[in-house]
């Protein structure tokens, strides 16, 4: 149980910082509703679980591959974030309150793709595991508990964020909603710029 709680704390630590997936979660919740926000967060949590598995179970063949091709992987993620932001800005939107449809697989896979295009997260997870006193070989059961905790910890954050956005959405006027959609399109473009700046520093 202790390892499970450690996993939850690690998941919260990774989930709370607002990055590109956080901006996408807010934007999709505004456009498509609470379910879209949860699916976006689910994709990110799945990516975090992959990184957690790599750190907990010592899957060096995965970490070596991700770190070897991290520039290409990160660049692909940056292009995807940039495209999403541009589409959000140029898309014609109205002040109507009709929600856009939710395409579950597409939303999940796109956020998973963004989450997985940060190979340096492997090293961050290894640091977090060391910080919380997780041994290099915790065993199968304890390892599964840690990974499950990471998933739950990150997903608690995405549920909270999506719920908060839905609450704000109900309290916000139509004109402000249009502004917020465009605003988060700009935020995604800024995140893509940060990604490319990081790549130039490798």
C-alpha atoms as a PDB file:
ATOM      1  CA  UNK A   1       0.000   0.000   0.000  1.00  0.00           C
ATOM      2  CA  UNK A   2       2.902   2.352   0.734  1.00  0.00           C
ATOM      3  CA  UNK A   3       4.218   1.932  -2.811  1.00  0.00           C
ATOM      4  CA  UNK A   4       0.724   2.608  -4.165  1.00  0.00           C
ATOM      5  CA  UNK A   5       0.545   5.897  -2.227  1.00  0.00           C
ATOM      6  CA  UNK A   6       4.018   6.833  -3.445  1.00  0.00           C
ATOM      7  CA  UNK A   7       2.842   6.220  -6.999  1.00  0.00           C
ATOM      8  CA  UNK A   8      -0.148   8.521  -6.456  1.00  0.00           C
ATOM      9  CA  UNK A   9       2.125  11.285  -5.135  1.00  0.00           C
ATOM     10  CA  UNK A  10       4.462  10.882  -8.113  1.00  0.00           C
ATOM     11  CA  UNK A  11       1.467  10.967 -10.468  1.00  0.00           C
ATOM     12  CA  UNK A  12       0.162  14.163  -8.896  1.00  0.00           C
ATOM     13  CA  UNK A  13       3.613  15.698  -9.109  1.00  0.00           C
ATOM     14  CA  UNK A  14       3.731  14.968 -12.841  1.00  0.00           C
ATOM     15  CA  UNK A  15       0.111  15.809 -13.573  1.00  0.00           C
ATOM     16  CA  UNK A  16      -0.328  19.193 -11.924  1.00  0.00           C
ATOM     17  CA  UNK A  17       2.131  21.286 -13.998  1.00  0.00           C
ATOM     18  CA  UNK A  18       0.170  22.761 -16.920  1.00  0.00           C
ATOM     19  CA  UNK A  19       1.844  21.804 -20.181  1.00  0.00           C
ATOM     20  CA  UNK A  20       0.648  21.257 -23.730  1.00  0.00           C
ATOM     21  CA  UNK A  21      -1.679  18.423 -22.690  1.00  0.00           C
ATOM     22  CA  UNK A  22      -3.105  20.610 -19.936  1.00  0.00           C
ATOM     23  CA  UNK A  23      -3.893  23.351 -22.449  1.00  0.00           C
ATOM     24  CA  UNK A  24      -5.440  20.763 -24.785  1.00  0.00           C
ATOM     25  CA  UNK A  25      -7.557  19.406 -21.932  1.00  0.00           C
ATOM     26  CA  UNK A  26      -8.917  22.865 -21.161  1.00  0.00           C
ATOM     27  CA  UNK A  27      -9.536  23.652 -24.834  1.00  0.00           C
ATOM     28  CA  UNK A  28     -11.319  20.348 -25.534  1.00  0.00           C
ATOM     29  CA  UNK A  29     -13.406  20.587 -22.376  1.00  0.00           C
ATOM     30  CA  UNK A  30     -14.552  24.038 -23.467  1.00  0.00           C
ATOM     31  CA  UNK A  31     -15.424  22.831 -26.970  1.00  0.00           C
ATOM     32  CA  UNK A  32     -16.627  19.273 -26.412  1.00  0.00           C
ATOM     33  CA  UNK A  33     -17.492  18.932 -22.747  1.00  0.00           C
ATOM     34  CA  UNK A  34     -16.375  17.020 -19.656  1.00  0.00           C
ATOM     35  CA  UNK A  35     -16.037  13.638 -21.414  1.00  0.00           C
ATOM     36  CA  UNK A  36     -13.554  15.081 -23.941  1.00  0.00           C
ATOM     37  CA  UNK A  37     -11.470  16.509 -21.113  1.00  0.00           C
ATOM     38  CA  UNK A  38     -11.377  13.142 -19.361  1.00  0.00           C
ATOM     39  CA  UNK A  39     -10.363  11.338 -22.570  1.00  0.00           C
ATOM     40  CA  UNK A  40      -7.587  13.857 -23.186  1.00  0.00           C
ATOM     41  CA  UNK A  41      -6.291  13.351 -19.656  1.00  0.00           C
ATOM     42  CA  UNK A  42      -6.576   9.577 -20.062  1.00  0.00           C
ATOM     43  CA  UNK A  43      -4.197   9.664 -23.018  1.00  0.00           C
ATOM     44  CA  UNK A  44      -1.658  11.644 -21.025  1.00  0.00           C
ATOM     45  CA  UNK A  45      -2.003   9.300 -18.024  1.00  0.00           C
ATOM     46  CA  UNK A  46      -1.389   6.308 -20.293  1.00  0.00           C
ATOM     47  CA  UNK A  47       1.813   7.941 -21.570  1.00  0.00           C
ATOM     48  CA  UNK A  48       2.922   8.637 -18.000  1.00  0.00           C
ATOM     49  CA  UNK A  49       2.277   4.973 -17.130  1.00  0.00           C
ATOM     50  CA  UNK A  50       4.580   3.900 -19.949  1.00  0.00           C
ATOM     51  CA  UNK A  51       7.338   6.108 -18.567  1.00  0.00           C
ATOM     52  CA  UNK A  52       6.629   4.818 -15.057  1.00  0.00           C
ATOM     53  CA  UNK A  53       6.904   1.204 -16.271  1.00  0.00           C
ATOM     54  CA  UNK A  54      10.201   2.054 -17.918  1.00  0.00           C
ATOM     55  CA  UNK A  55      11.577   3.427 -14.646  1.00  0.00           C
ATOM     56  CA  UNK A  56      10.063   0.901 -12.236  1.00  0.00           C
ATOM     57  CA  UNK A  57      10.766  -2.279 -14.206  1.00  0.00           C
ATOM     58  CA  UNK A  58      14.035  -1.138 -15.750  1.00  0.00           C
ATOM     59  CA  UNK A  59      12.854  -1.420 -19.353  1.00  0.00           C
ATOM     60  CA  UNK A  60      16.082   0.011 -20.667  1.00  0.00           C
ATOM     61  CA  UNK A  61      15.369  -0.968 -24.270  1.00  0.00           C
ATOM     62  CA  UNK A  62      12.420   1.468 -24.230  1.00  0.00           C
ATOM     63  CA  UNK A  63      14.278   4.263 -22.454  1.00  0.00           C
ATOM     64  CA  UNK A  64      17.330   3.830 -24.673  1.00  0.00           C
ATOM     65  CA  UNK A  65      15.176   4.061 -27.799  1.00  0.00           C
ATOM     66  CA  UNK A  66      13.288   7.124 -26.560  1.00  0.00           C
ATOM     67  CA  UNK A  67      16.434   8.940 -25.505  1.00  0.00           C
ATOM     68  CA  UNK A  68      18.309   7.986 -28.684  1.00  0.00           C
ATOM     69  CA  UNK A  69      15.612   9.476 -30.908  1.00  0.00           C
ATOM     70  CA  UNK A  70      14.363  12.127 -28.499  1.00  0.00           C
ATOM     71  CA  UNK A  71      15.017  15.025 -30.896  1.00  0.00           C
ATOM     72  CA  UNK A  72      12.867  13.498 -33.649  1.00  0.00           C
ATOM     73  CA  UNK A  73      10.190  12.361 -31.187  1.00  0.00           C
ATOM     74  CA  UNK A  74      10.053  15.740 -29.465  1.00  0.00           C
ATOM     75  CA  UNK A  75       9.980  17.580 -32.795  1.00  0.00           C
ATOM     76  CA  UNK A  76       7.026  15.458 -33.923  1.00  0.00           C
ATOM     77  CA  UNK A  77       5.199  16.373 -30.731  1.00  0.00           C
ATOM     78  CA  UNK A  78       6.002  20.056 -31.228  1.00  0.00           C
ATOM     79  CA  UNK A  79       4.610  19.993 -34.767  1.00  0.00           C
ATOM     80  CA  UNK A  80       1.441  18.303 -33.556  1.00  0.00           C
ATOM     81  CA  UNK A  81       0.930  20.902 -30.814  1.00  0.00           C
ATOM     82  CA  UNK A  82       1.609  23.710 -33.299  1.00  0.00           C
ATOM     83  CA  UNK A  83      -0.901  22.309 -35.792  1.00  0.00           C
ATOM     84  CA  UNK A  84      -3.529  21.930 -33.063  1.00  0.00           C
ATOM     85  CA  UNK A  85      -3.050  25.545 -31.959  1.00  0.00           C
ATOM     86  CA  UNK A  86      -3.218  26.913 -35.499  1.00  0.00           C
ATOM     87  CA  UNK A  87      -6.366  24.918 -36.272  1.00  0.00           C
ATOM     88  CA  UNK A  88      -7.934  26.286 -33.111  1.00  0.00           C
ATOM     89  CA  UNK A  89      -7.151  29.863 -34.155  1.00  0.00           C
ATOM     90  CA  UNK A  90      -8.324  29.645 -37.773  1.00  0.00           C
ATOM     91  CA  UNK A  91     -11.388  27.487 -37.130  1.00  0.00           C
ATOM     92  CA  UNK A  92     -14.608  29.405 -37.558  1.00  0.00           C
ATOM     93  CA  UNK A  93     -16.493  29.396 -34.282  1.00  0.00           C
ATOM     94  CA  UNK A  94     -19.779  30.897 -33.281  1.00  0.00           C
ATOM     95  CA  UNK A  95     -21.269  31.966 -30.007  1.00  0.00           C
ATOM     96  CA  UNK A  96     -23.658  29.036 -30.035  1.00  0.00           C
ATOM     97  CA  UNK A  97     -23.553  26.730 -27.041  1.00  0.00           C
ATOM     98  CA  UNK A  98     -23.877  23.541 -29.097  1.00  0.00           C
ATOM     99  CA  UNK A  99     -21.031  21.204 -28.188  1.00  0.00           C
ATOM    100  CA  UNK A 100     -18.847  19.664 -30.825  1.00  0.00           C
ATOM    101  CA  UNK A 101     -18.958  15.850 -31.021  1.00  0.00           C
ATOM    102  CA  UNK A 102     -16.559  13.706 -29.013  1.00  0.00           C
ATOM    103  CA  UNK A 103     -14.391  11.257 -30.989  1.00  0.00           C
ATOM    104  CA  UNK A 104     -13.021   9.051 -28.221  1.00  0.00           C
ATOM    105  CA  UNK A 105     -10.183   7.196 -29.939  1.00  0.00           C
ATOM    106  CA  UNK A 106      -8.954  10.288 -31.780  1.00  0.00           C
ATOM    107  CA  UNK A 107      -8.906  12.411 -28.622  1.00  0.00           C
ATOM    108  CA  UNK A 108      -7.195   9.700 -26.557  1.00  0.00           C
ATOM    109  CA  UNK A 109      -4.530   8.886 -29.160  1.00  0.00           C
ATOM    110  CA  UNK A 110      -3.679  12.522 -29.885  1.00  0.00           C
ATOM    111  CA  UNK A 111      -3.083  13.339 -26.206  1.00  0.00           C
ATOM    112  CA  UNK A 112      -1.149  10.080 -25.768  1.00  0.00           C
ATOM    113  CA  UNK A 113       1.032  11.098 -28.722  1.00  0.00           C
ATOM    114  CA  UNK A 114       1.744  14.474 -27.105  1.00  0.00           C
ATOM    115  CA  UNK A 115       2.475  12.855 -23.751  1.00  0.00           C
ATOM    116  CA  UNK A 116       4.857  10.301 -25.232  1.00  0.00           C
ATOM    117  CA  UNK A 117       6.885  12.888 -27.161  1.00  0.00           C
ATOM    118  CA  UNK A 118       8.820  13.940 -24.091  1.00  0.00           C
ATOM    119  CA  UNK A 119      11.525  11.280 -23.725  1.00  0.00           C
ATOM    120  CA  UNK A 120      13.314  13.299 -21.059  1.00  0.00           C
ATOM    121  CA  UNK A 121      10.408  12.384 -18.758  1.00  0.00           C
ATOM    122  CA  UNK A 122      12.054   8.972 -18.335  1.00  0.00           C
ATOM    123  CA  UNK A 123      14.932  10.619 -16.466  1.00  0.00           C
ATOM    124  CA  UNK A 124      12.515  12.712 -14.418  1.00  0.00           C
ATOM    125  CA  UNK A 125      10.597   9.605 -13.397  1.00  0.00           C
ATOM    126  CA  UNK A 126      13.837   7.910 -12.341  1.00  0.00           C
ATOM    127  CA  UNK A 127      14.654  10.934 -10.183  1.00  0.00           C
ATOM    128  CA  UNK A 128      11.151  10.909  -8.651  1.00  0.00           C
ATOM    129  CA  UNK A 129      11.383   7.187  -7.882  1.00  0.00           C
ATOM    130  CA  UNK A 130      14.725   7.732  -6.162  1.00  0.00           C
ATOM    131  CA  UNK A 131      13.379  10.741  -4.250  1.00  0.00           C
ATOM    132  CA  UNK A 132      10.458   8.711  -2.888  1.00  0.00           C
ATOM    133  CA  UNK A 133      12.748   5.848  -1.940  1.00  0.00           C
ATOM    134  CA  UNK A 134      11.569   3.322  -4.511  1.00  0.00           C
ATOM    135  CA  UNK A 135      14.216   0.623  -4.966  1.00  0.00           C
ATOM    136  CA  UNK A 136      15.577  -0.284  -8.381  1.00  0.00           C
ATOM    137  CA  UNK A 137      13.937  -3.723  -8.162  1.00  0.00           C
ATOM    138  CA  UNK A 138      10.680  -3.317  -6.187  1.00  0.00           C
ATOM    139  CA  UNK A 139       9.271  -6.634  -7.403  1.00  0.00           C
ATOM    140  CA  UNK A 140       6.354  -7.345  -9.699  1.00  0.00           C
ATOM    141  CA  UNK A 141       3.497  -6.666  -7.243  1.00  0.00           C
ATOM    142  CA  UNK A 142       4.995  -3.496  -5.757  1.00  0.00           C
ATOM    143  CA  UNK A 143       5.969  -2.317  -9.232  1.00  0.00           C
ATOM    144  CA  UNK A 144       2.401  -2.743 -10.461  1.00  0.00           C
ATOM    145  CA  UNK A 145       1.127  -0.848  -7.394  1.00  0.00           C
ATOM    146  CA  UNK A 146       3.502   2.047  -8.127  1.00  0.00           C
ATOM    147  CA  UNK A 147       2.460   2.248 -11.786  1.00  0.00           C
ATOM    148  CA  UNK A 148      -1.231   2.021 -10.833  1.00  0.00           C
ATOM    149  CA  UNK A 149      -0.675   4.803  -8.314  1.00  0.00           C
ATOM    150  CA  UNK A 150       0.985   6.974 -10.950  1.00  0.00           C
ATOM    151  CA  UNK A 151      -2.004   6.472 -13.239  1.00  0.00           C
ATOM    152  CA  UNK A 152      -4.523   7.319 -10.524  1.00  0.00           C
ATOM    153  CA  UNK A 153      -2.497  10.297  -9.336  1.00  0.00           C
ATOM    154  CA  UNK A 154      -2.272  11.846 -12.792  1.00  0.00           C
ATOM    155  CA  UNK A 155      -5.902  11.080 -13.569  1.00  0.00           C
ATOM    156  CA  UNK A 156      -7.118  12.678 -10.323  1.00  0.00           C
ATOM    157  CA  UNK A 157      -5.572  15.876 -11.641  1.00  0.00           C
ATOM    158  CA  UNK A 158      -7.169  15.605 -15.097  1.00  0.00           C
ATOM    159  CA  UNK A 159     -10.594  14.928 -13.565  1.00  0.00           C
ATOM    160  CA  UNK A 160     -10.186  17.943 -11.285  1.00  0.00           C
ATOM    161  CA  UNK A 161      -9.042  20.182 -14.142  1.00  0.00           C
ATOM    162  CA  UNK A 162     -11.859  19.091 -16.469  1.00  0.00           C
ATOM    163  CA  UNK A 163     -14.443  19.554 -13.721  1.00  0.00           C
ATOM    164  CA  UNK A 164     -13.133  23.033 -12.906  1.00  0.00           C
ATOM    165  CA  UNK A 165     -13.267  24.041 -16.591  1.00  0.00           C
ATOM    166  CA  UNK A 166     -16.868  22.797 -16.880  1.00  0.00           C
ATOM    167  CA  UNK A 167     -17.800  24.840 -13.817  1.00  0.00           C
ATOM    168  CA  UNK A 168     -16.172  27.966 -15.266  1.00  0.00           C
ATOM    169  CA  UNK A 169     -17.815  27.251 -18.613  1.00  0.00           C
ATOM    170  CA  UNK A 170     -21.279  27.346 -17.031  1.00  0.00           C
ATOM    171  CA  UNK A 171     -20.461  30.679 -15.377  1.00  0.00           C
ATOM    172  CA  UNK A 172     -18.920  32.302 -18.453  1.00  0.00           C
ATOM    173  CA  UNK A 173     -20.764  34.284 -21.120  1.00  0.00           C
ATOM    174  CA  UNK A 174     -20.789  33.268 -24.778  1.00  0.00           C
ATOM    175  CA  UNK A 175     -18.487  36.068 -25.909  1.00  0.00           C
ATOM    176  CA  UNK A 176     -15.935  35.152 -23.238  1.00  0.00           C
ATOM    177  CA  UNK A 177     -16.109  31.526 -24.350  1.00  0.00           C
ATOM    178  CA  UNK A 178     -15.041  32.499 -27.864  1.00  0.00           C
ATOM    179  CA  UNK A 179     -12.139  34.482 -26.429  1.00  0.00           C
ATOM    180  CA  UNK A 180     -11.046  31.561 -24.239  1.00  0.00           C
ATOM    181  CA  UNK A 181     -11.032  29.135 -27.187  1.00  0.00           C
ATOM    182  CA  UNK A 182      -8.787  31.464 -29.193  1.00  0.00           C
ATOM    183  CA  UNK A 183      -6.671  32.131 -26.115  1.00  0.00           C
ATOM    184  CA  UNK A 184      -5.876  28.455 -25.621  1.00  0.00           C
ATOM    185  CA  UNK A 185      -5.091  28.149 -29.316  1.00  0.00           C
ATOM    186  CA  UNK A 186      -2.409  30.795 -28.760  1.00  0.00           C
ATOM    187  CA  UNK A 187      -1.208  28.965 -25.647  1.00  0.00           C
ATOM    188  CA  UNK A 188      -0.703  25.778 -27.663  1.00  0.00           C
ATOM    189  CA  UNK A 189       1.316  27.680 -30.249  1.00  0.00           C
ATOM    190  CA  UNK A 190       3.477  29.133 -27.468  1.00  0.00           C
ATOM    191  CA  UNK A 191       4.030  25.656 -26.036  1.00  0.00           C
ATOM    192  CA  UNK A 192       5.151  24.447 -29.464  1.00  0.00           C
ATOM    193  CA  UNK A 193       7.628  27.348 -29.600  1.00  0.00           C
ATOM    194  CA  UNK A 194       9.015  26.299 -26.201  1.00  0.00           C
ATOM    195  CA  UNK A 195       9.389  22.722 -27.464  1.00  0.00           C
ATOM    196  CA  UNK A 196      11.390  23.855 -30.495  1.00  0.00           C
ATOM    197  CA  UNK A 197      13.556  26.117 -28.343  1.00  0.00           C
ATOM    198  CA  UNK A 198      14.340  23.125 -26.111  1.00  0.00           C
ATOM    199  CA  UNK A 199      15.239  21.075 -29.188  1.00  0.00           C
ATOM    200  CA  UNK A 200      17.683  23.766 -30.344  1.00  0.00           C
ATOM    201  CA  UNK A 201      19.446  23.477 -26.987  1.00  0.00           C
ATOM    202  CA  UNK A 202      20.099  19.717 -27.240  1.00  0.00           C
END
